[in-house]
Amino acid sequence: MHILKKPDLSDLKLREKLAKG
């Protein structure tokens, strides 16, 4: 699952954290 945009990767991590939290 490679993301084209680097910022997206950061956003994805943040979203994952929120989803888990």
N, C-alpha and C. Protein backbone atom coordinates (compact mmCIF):
# COMPACT_ATOMS: atom_id res chain seq x y z
N MET A 1 0.84 -1.20 0.00
CA MET A 1 0.00 0.00 0.00
C MET A 1 0.87 1.25 0.00
N HIS A 2 1.42 1.58 -1.16
CA HIS A 2 2.29 2.76 -1.24
C HIS A 2 1.45 3.99 -1.58
N ILE A 3 1.64 5.04 -0.83
CA ILE A 3 0.87 6.26 -1.09
C ILE A 3 1.65 7.20 -2.02
N LEU A 4 0.95 7.79 -2.96
CA LEU A 4 1.62 8.68 -3.91
C LEU A 4 2.09 9.95 -3.22
N LYS A 5 1.23 10.51 -2.40
CA LYS A 5 1.61 11.77 -1.73
C LYS A 5 2.22 11.49 -0.36
N LYS A 6 3.31 12.13 -0.05
CA LYS A 6 3.94 11.91 1.26
C LYS A 6 3.03 12.42 2.38
N PRO A 7 2.47 13.60 2.24
CA PRO A 7 1.58 14.15 3.27
C PRO A 7 0.46 13.16 3.58
N ASP A 8 0.01 12.44 2.57
CA ASP A 8 -1.07 11.48 2.78
C ASP A 8 -0.63 10.43 3.80
N LEU A 9 0.62 10.03 3.70
CA LEU A 9 1.12 9.02 4.61
C LEU A 9 0.98 9.50 6.05
N SER A 10 1.38 10.74 6.27
CA SER A 10 1.28 11.31 7.62
C SER A 10 -0.18 11.36 8.05
N ASP A 11 -1.03 11.79 7.14
CA ASP A 11 -2.46 11.89 7.43
C ASP A 11 -3.01 10.51 7.74
N LEU A 12 -2.55 9.53 6.98
CA LEU A 12 -3.03 8.17 7.18
C LEU A 12 -2.69 7.71 8.59
N LYS A 13 -1.47 7.97 9.02
CA LYS A 13 -1.05 7.57 10.36
C LYS A 13 -1.92 8.25 11.41
N LEU A 14 -2.17 9.53 11.19
CA LEU A 14 -2.99 10.29 12.13
C LEU A 14 -4.39 9.69 12.18
N ARG A 15 -4.93 9.39 11.00
CA ARG A 15 -6.28 8.82 10.94
C ARG A 15 -6.31 7.48 11.66
N GLU A 16 -5.27 6.68 11.44
CA GLU A 16 -5.22 5.36 12.09
C GLU A 16 -5.21 5.53 13.60
N LYS A 17 -4.44 6.49 14.07
CA LYS A 17 -4.36 6.75 15.51
C LYS A 17 -5.73 7.16 16.04
N LEU A 18 -6.40 8.04 15.33
CA LEU A 18 -7.72 8.49 15.75
C LEU A 18 -8.70 7.32 15.74
N ALA A 19 -8.60 6.51 14.70
CA ALA A 19 -9.51 5.36 14.58
C ALA A 19 -9.28 4.40 15.75
N LYS A 20 -8.03 4.21 16.11
CA LYS A 20 -7.73 3.29 17.22
C LYS A 20 -8.14 3.93 18.54
N GLY A 21 -7.81 5.24 18.66
CA GLY A 21 -8.09 5.95 19.91
C GLY A 21 -9.59 5.88 20.19
